Amino acid sequence: MRTALKFEVGARGNSWAEAFRRLADNAEELGVLVMVNGVAGSNTHRKLDPQEFRGFALVDEYAPVVFVNGADTKAAQIFTLAHELAHVWLGESGVDNPEPNASSDLVVERWCSQVAAELLVPESLLHTEEAGDMSADELDRLAALFRVSTLVVLRRLYDTGQLGWDTYHRGYAAELDRVLTLIDQGAAGTGGNFYNTQPSRTSKRFARALVASTLEGQTLYRDAFQMLGFKKRLTFDALAQRIGVL
């Protein structure tokens, strides 16, 4: 999967946002429709709670779909996307709350989380990093290296035998408190340019196909507006230019 998705550790960009964008774009190049949204439709007053669900995968022979909850942190979105892509590779649809510390009773869910963890943090590379005292700085260093969350780093250190259960359990609880504090302080980020986020909400691949179909007269503008989530022709034309169709 890592090779097919062109997502080797040294090719993930300079930020978590760039890493997510690369993973999503590469998945779309393989034919997977990747949709990201943090609200219900375009209603900014109806936020999707990451505590309720983080994503889902709908497996289809011609157009598999992966949805990622955009209200989550970018690091968490990366793990969710990797987890949902594992569903696609396996050929099993699922609605998930892929938490690194979760102990799911479902074999498929455990498998997808294990695949996502290995895809993002290869065990062979983690062993060469010689993790230190598990301070916040050390966790941040490893998280930045692999472009994952510090919670995923902790889980991988435990899974690969570099941390015992007691150390891992205490460290995870402390790190979760720190992460939640950072989120409360606004570190997760919100907002963004409409024309940057809209193609991601519907999948860039789908948006390009729909806009092209509409401009060719095969799809009614009314239907296109409904599927894209807006009502104005000016918005449609601006989006078409943004994604390179006009």
Protein backbone atom coordinates (compact mmCIF):
# COMPACT_ATOMS: atom_id res chain seq x y z
CA MET A 1 0.00 0.00 0.00
CA ARG A 2 2.78 2.42 0.92
CA THR A 3 4.43 1.93 -2.47
CA ALA A 4 1.20 2.13 -4.46
CA LEU A 5 0.20 5.31 -2.61
CA LYS A 6 3.69 6.83 -3.00
CA PHE A 7 3.71 7.53 0.73
CA GLU A 8 7.17 6.56 1.87
CA VAL A 9 8.32 8.25 5.08
CA GLY A 10 10.66 10.64 3.26
CA ALA A 11 7.97 11.77 0.80
CA ARG A 12 5.30 13.19 3.09
CA GLY A 13 6.01 16.90 2.82
CA ASN A 14 6.76 19.56 5.40
CA SER A 15 3.55 19.46 7.42
CA TRP A 16 0.70 17.21 8.45
CA ALA A 17 -1.64 19.11 6.11
CA GLU A 18 0.69 18.48 3.17
CA ALA A 19 1.08 14.83 4.12
CA PHE A 20 -2.69 14.37 4.23
CA ARG A 21 -3.11 16.14 0.90
CA ARG A 22 -0.47 13.94 -0.74
CA LEU A 23 -2.00 10.74 0.62
CA ALA A 24 -5.50 11.80 -0.48
CA ASP A 25 -4.34 12.93 -3.95
CA ASN A 26 -2.38 9.73 -4.52
CA ALA A 27 -5.37 7.64 -3.46
CA GLU A 28 -7.54 9.52 -5.95
CA GLU A 29 -5.00 8.85 -8.69
CA LEU A 30 -5.60 5.16 -7.99
CA GLY A 31 -9.36 5.64 -8.42
CA VAL A 32 -10.51 6.10 -4.82
CA LEU A 33 -12.87 9.02 -4.20
CA VAL A 34 -11.64 10.79 -1.05
CA MET A 35 -14.15 13.12 0.61
CA VAL A 36 -13.33 15.35 3.58
CA ASN A 37 -15.86 17.45 5.47
CA GLY A 38 -16.21 18.66 9.04
CA VAL A 39 -19.86 19.71 8.84
CA ALA A 40 -23.13 18.22 7.61
CA GLY A 41 -23.37 19.30 3.97
CA SER A 42 -22.40 22.98 3.91
CA ASN A 43 -24.06 23.86 7.22
CA THR A 44 -21.30 25.28 9.42
CA HIS A 45 -23.63 25.09 12.44
CA ARG A 46 -23.80 21.27 12.22
CA LYS A 47 -20.27 20.14 13.04
CA LEU A 48 -19.45 16.45 12.71
CA ASP A 49 -18.24 15.25 16.10
CA PRO A 50 -15.02 13.19 15.83
CA GLN A 51 -16.03 11.43 19.04
CA GLU A 52 -19.04 9.96 17.20
CA PHE A 53 -17.21 8.84 14.07
CA ARG A 54 -14.02 9.62 12.23
CA GLY A 55 -14.67 8.18 8.80
CA PHE A 56 -16.11 5.46 6.63
CA ALA A 57 -15.30 3.45 3.53
CA LEU A 58 -17.73 2.29 0.86
CA VAL A 59 -16.14 -0.38 -1.29
CA ASP A 60 -17.20 -0.51 -4.95
CA GLU A 61 -15.55 -2.11 -7.96
CA TYR A 62 -15.64 1.09 -10.00
CA ALA A 63 -15.81 3.97 -7.52
CA PRO A 64 -14.72 3.17 -3.95
CA VAL A 65 -15.39 6.06 -1.58
CA VAL A 66 -13.55 7.10 1.57
CA PHE A 67 -14.92 9.81 3.85
CA VAL A 68 -12.80 11.52 6.51
CA ASN A 69 -14.21 13.73 9.27
CA GLY A 70 -12.60 17.10 8.63
CA ALA A 71 -13.46 18.35 12.12
CA ASP A 72 -10.69 16.15 13.53
CA THR A 73 -7.05 17.17 13.87
CA LYS A 74 -4.97 16.80 10.71
CA ALA A 75 -2.79 14.11 12.30
CA ALA A 76 -5.91 12.15 13.24
CA GLN A 77 -7.27 12.58 9.71
CA ILE A 78 -4.11 10.99 8.30
CA PHE A 79 -4.60 7.89 10.44
CA THR A 80 -8.30 7.76 9.56
CA LEU A 81 -7.56 8.00 5.84
CA ALA A 82 -4.97 5.22 6.12
CA HIS A 83 -7.45 3.08 8.08
CA GLU A 84 -10.22 3.60 5.52
CA LEU A 85 -7.86 2.87 2.63
CA ALA A 86 -7.03 -0.41 4.32
CA HIS A 87 -10.77 -1.18 4.15
CA VAL A 88 -10.66 -0.50 0.40
CA TRP A 89 -7.61 -2.74 -0.06
CA LEU A 90 -9.33 -5.48 1.89
CA GLY A 91 -12.61 -5.03 0.01
CA GLU A 92 -14.70 -4.51 3.16
CA SER A 93 -16.87 -1.42 3.74
CA GLY A 94 -17.06 0.03 7.24
CA VAL A 95 -18.07 2.98 9.43
CA ASP A 96 -15.30 3.50 11.88
CA ASN A 97 -13.92 5.30 14.89
CA PRO A 98 -10.29 4.30 14.35
CA GLU A 99 -8.71 5.26 17.67
CA PRO A 100 -5.05 4.19 18.11
CA ASN A 101 -5.79 2.95 21.64
CA ALA A 102 -9.08 1.22 20.81
CA SER A 103 -9.55 -2.49 21.45
CA SER A 104 -12.19 -3.37 18.87
CA ASP A 105 -13.87 -6.74 18.97
CA LEU A 106 -14.16 -6.71 15.19
CA VAL A 107 -11.40 -8.59 13.40
CA VAL A 108 -11.64 -6.35 10.32
CA GLU A 109 -11.36 -3.16 12.37
CA ARG A 110 -8.31 -4.42 14.23
CA TRP A 111 -6.71 -5.50 10.98
CA CYS A 112 -7.33 -2.14 9.28
CA SER A 113 -5.89 -0.24 12.25
CA GLN A 114 -2.82 -2.48 12.30
CA VAL A 115 -2.31 -1.98 8.56
CA ALA A 116 -2.73 1.80 8.92
CA ALA A 117 -0.22 1.89 11.77
CA GLU A 118 2.39 -0.08 9.82
CA LEU A 119 1.77 1.97 6.67
CA LEU A 120 2.35 5.22 8.57
CA VAL A 121 5.01 4.12 11.08
CA PRO A 122 7.00 1.20 9.67
CA GLU A 123 8.32 -1.00 12.46
CA SER A 124 11.71 -1.34 10.78
CA LEU A 125 12.23 2.43 10.78
CA LEU A 126 10.84 2.94 14.27
CA HIS A 127 13.43 0.55 15.72
CA THR A 128 16.26 2.56 14.13
CA GLU A 129 15.10 5.80 15.74
CA GLU A 130 16.15 4.74 19.25
CA ALA A 131 13.34 6.55 21.03
CA GLY A 132 14.45 8.36 24.16
CA ASP A 133 12.65 9.10 27.42
CA MET A 134 9.19 9.62 25.87
CA SER A 135 9.16 13.28 26.83
CA ALA A 136 6.81 15.61 24.96
CA ASP A 137 9.72 16.78 22.80
CA GLU A 138 10.68 13.21 21.88
CA LEU A 139 7.09 12.30 21.00
CA ASP A 140 6.77 15.46 18.93
CA ARG A 141 10.00 14.60 17.08
CA LEU A 142 8.80 11.13 16.13
CA ALA A 143 5.33 12.40 15.23
CA ALA A 144 6.88 15.00 12.91
CA LEU A 145 9.14 12.38 11.32
CA PHE A 146 6.26 10.05 10.42
CA ARG A 147 3.54 12.76 10.10
CA VAL A 148 1.24 11.08 12.59
CA SER A 149 -0.10 11.98 16.02
CA THR A 150 1.93 11.48 19.19
CA LEU A 151 -0.74 9.00 20.30
CA VAL A 152 -0.05 6.84 17.25
CA VAL A 153 3.66 7.00 18.06
CA LEU A 154 3.02 5.78 21.60
CA ARG A 155 0.83 2.94 20.38
CA ARG A 156 3.44 1.85 17.85
CA LEU A 157 6.18 1.88 20.49
CA TYR A 158 4.03 -0.40 22.61
CA ASP A 159 3.03 -2.67 19.71
CA THR A 160 6.65 -3.11 18.66
CA GLY A 161 7.82 -3.95 22.17
CA GLN A 162 9.73 -0.76 22.92
CA LEU A 163 7.38 0.21 25.77
CA GLY A 164 5.90 -1.97 28.50
CA TRP A 165 2.17 -1.87 29.26
CA ASP A 166 2.41 0.24 32.43
CA THR A 167 4.69 2.83 30.83
CA TYR A 168 2.53 2.96 27.73
CA HIS A 169 -0.72 3.22 29.68
CA ARG A 170 0.54 6.12 31.82
CA GLY A 171 2.15 7.85 28.86
CA TYR A 172 -0.95 7.54 26.70
CA ALA A 173 -3.22 9.07 29.36
CA ALA A 174 -0.83 11.98 29.91
CA GLU A 175 -0.36 12.60 26.20
CA LEU A 176 -4.09 12.45 25.54
CA ASP A 177 -4.62 15.20 28.13
CA ARG A 178 -1.91 17.31 26.46
CA VAL A 179 -3.38 16.81 22.98
CA LEU A 180 -6.90 17.70 24.13
CA THR A 181 -5.53 20.88 25.72
CA LEU A 182 -3.85 21.87 22.47
CA ILE A 183 -7.07 21.23 20.56
CA ASP A 184 -9.03 23.39 23.01
CA GLN A 185 -6.51 26.15 22.41
CA GLY A 186 -7.26 26.01 18.69
CA ALA A 187 -4.22 24.07 17.47
CA ALA A 188 -6.38 21.89 15.22
CA GLY A 189 -7.25 24.82 12.98
CA THR A 190 -10.56 25.79 11.40
CA GLY A 191 -11.93 27.57 8.39
CA GLY A 192 -10.14 27.85 5.06
CA ASN A 193 -10.77 29.12 1.56
CA PHE A 194 -14.04 27.79 0.12
CA TYR A 195 -12.50 26.99 -3.27
CA ASN A 196 -9.70 25.04 -1.59
CA THR A 197 -11.97 23.01 0.68
CA GLN A 198 -14.99 22.42 -1.57
CA PRO A 199 -13.30 19.98 -4.01
CA SER A 200 -12.11 17.95 -1.02
CA ARG A 201 -15.62 17.79 0.41
CA THR A 202 -16.93 16.03 -2.68
CA SER A 203 -13.64 14.43 -3.80
CA LYS A 204 -11.45 16.32 -6.27
CA ARG A 205 -11.82 13.51 -8.78
CA PHE A 206 -15.61 13.60 -8.51
CA ALA A 207 -15.75 17.42 -8.63
CA ARG A 208 -13.71 17.53 -11.84
CA ALA A 209 -15.83 14.84 -13.48
CA LEU A 210 -19.09 16.52 -12.47
CA VAL A 211 -18.02 20.01 -13.57
CA ALA A 212 -16.80 18.66 -16.92
CA SER A 213 -20.03 16.71 -17.41
CA THR A 214 -22.08 19.84 -16.68
CA LEU A 215 -20.07 22.03 -19.05
CA GLU A 216 -20.49 19.38 -21.75
CA GLY A 217 -24.27 19.48 -21.27
CA GLN A 218 -24.57 15.94 -19.91
CA THR A 219 -25.58 17.08 -16.40
CA LEU A 220 -28.05 19.85 -15.51
CA TYR A 221 -26.58 22.81 -13.62
CA ARG A 222 -29.38 22.38 -11.08
CA ASP A 223 -28.28 18.82 -10.37
CA ALA A 224 -24.61 19.78 -10.26
CA PHE A 225 -25.32 22.59 -7.77
CA GLN A 226 -27.21 20.17 -5.55
CA MET A 227 -24.41 17.59 -5.58
CA LEU A 228 -21.72 20.22 -4.99
CA GLY A 229 -23.64 22.00 -2.24
CA PHE A 230 -24.18 25.52 -3.56
CA LYS A 231 -26.69 27.49 -5.64
CA LYS A 232 -24.92 30.13 -7.76
CA ARG A 233 -23.49 29.91 -11.29
CA LEU A 234 -20.70 32.31 -10.33
CA THR A 235 -19.61 29.92 -7.60
CA PHE A 236 -19.68 27.03 -10.07
CA ASP A 237 -17.55 28.92 -12.62
CA ALA A 238 -15.04 29.96 -9.96
CA LEU A 239 -14.75 26.38 -8.76
CA ALA A 240 -14.30 25.12 -12.33
CA GLN A 241 -11.39 27.53 -12.79
CA ARG A 242 -9.90 26.55 -9.44
CA ILE A 243 -9.79 22.83 -10.26
CA GLY A 244 -8.54 23.44 -13.80
CA VAL A 245 -11.62 22.52 -15.82
CA LEU A 246 -12.18 26.01 -17.26
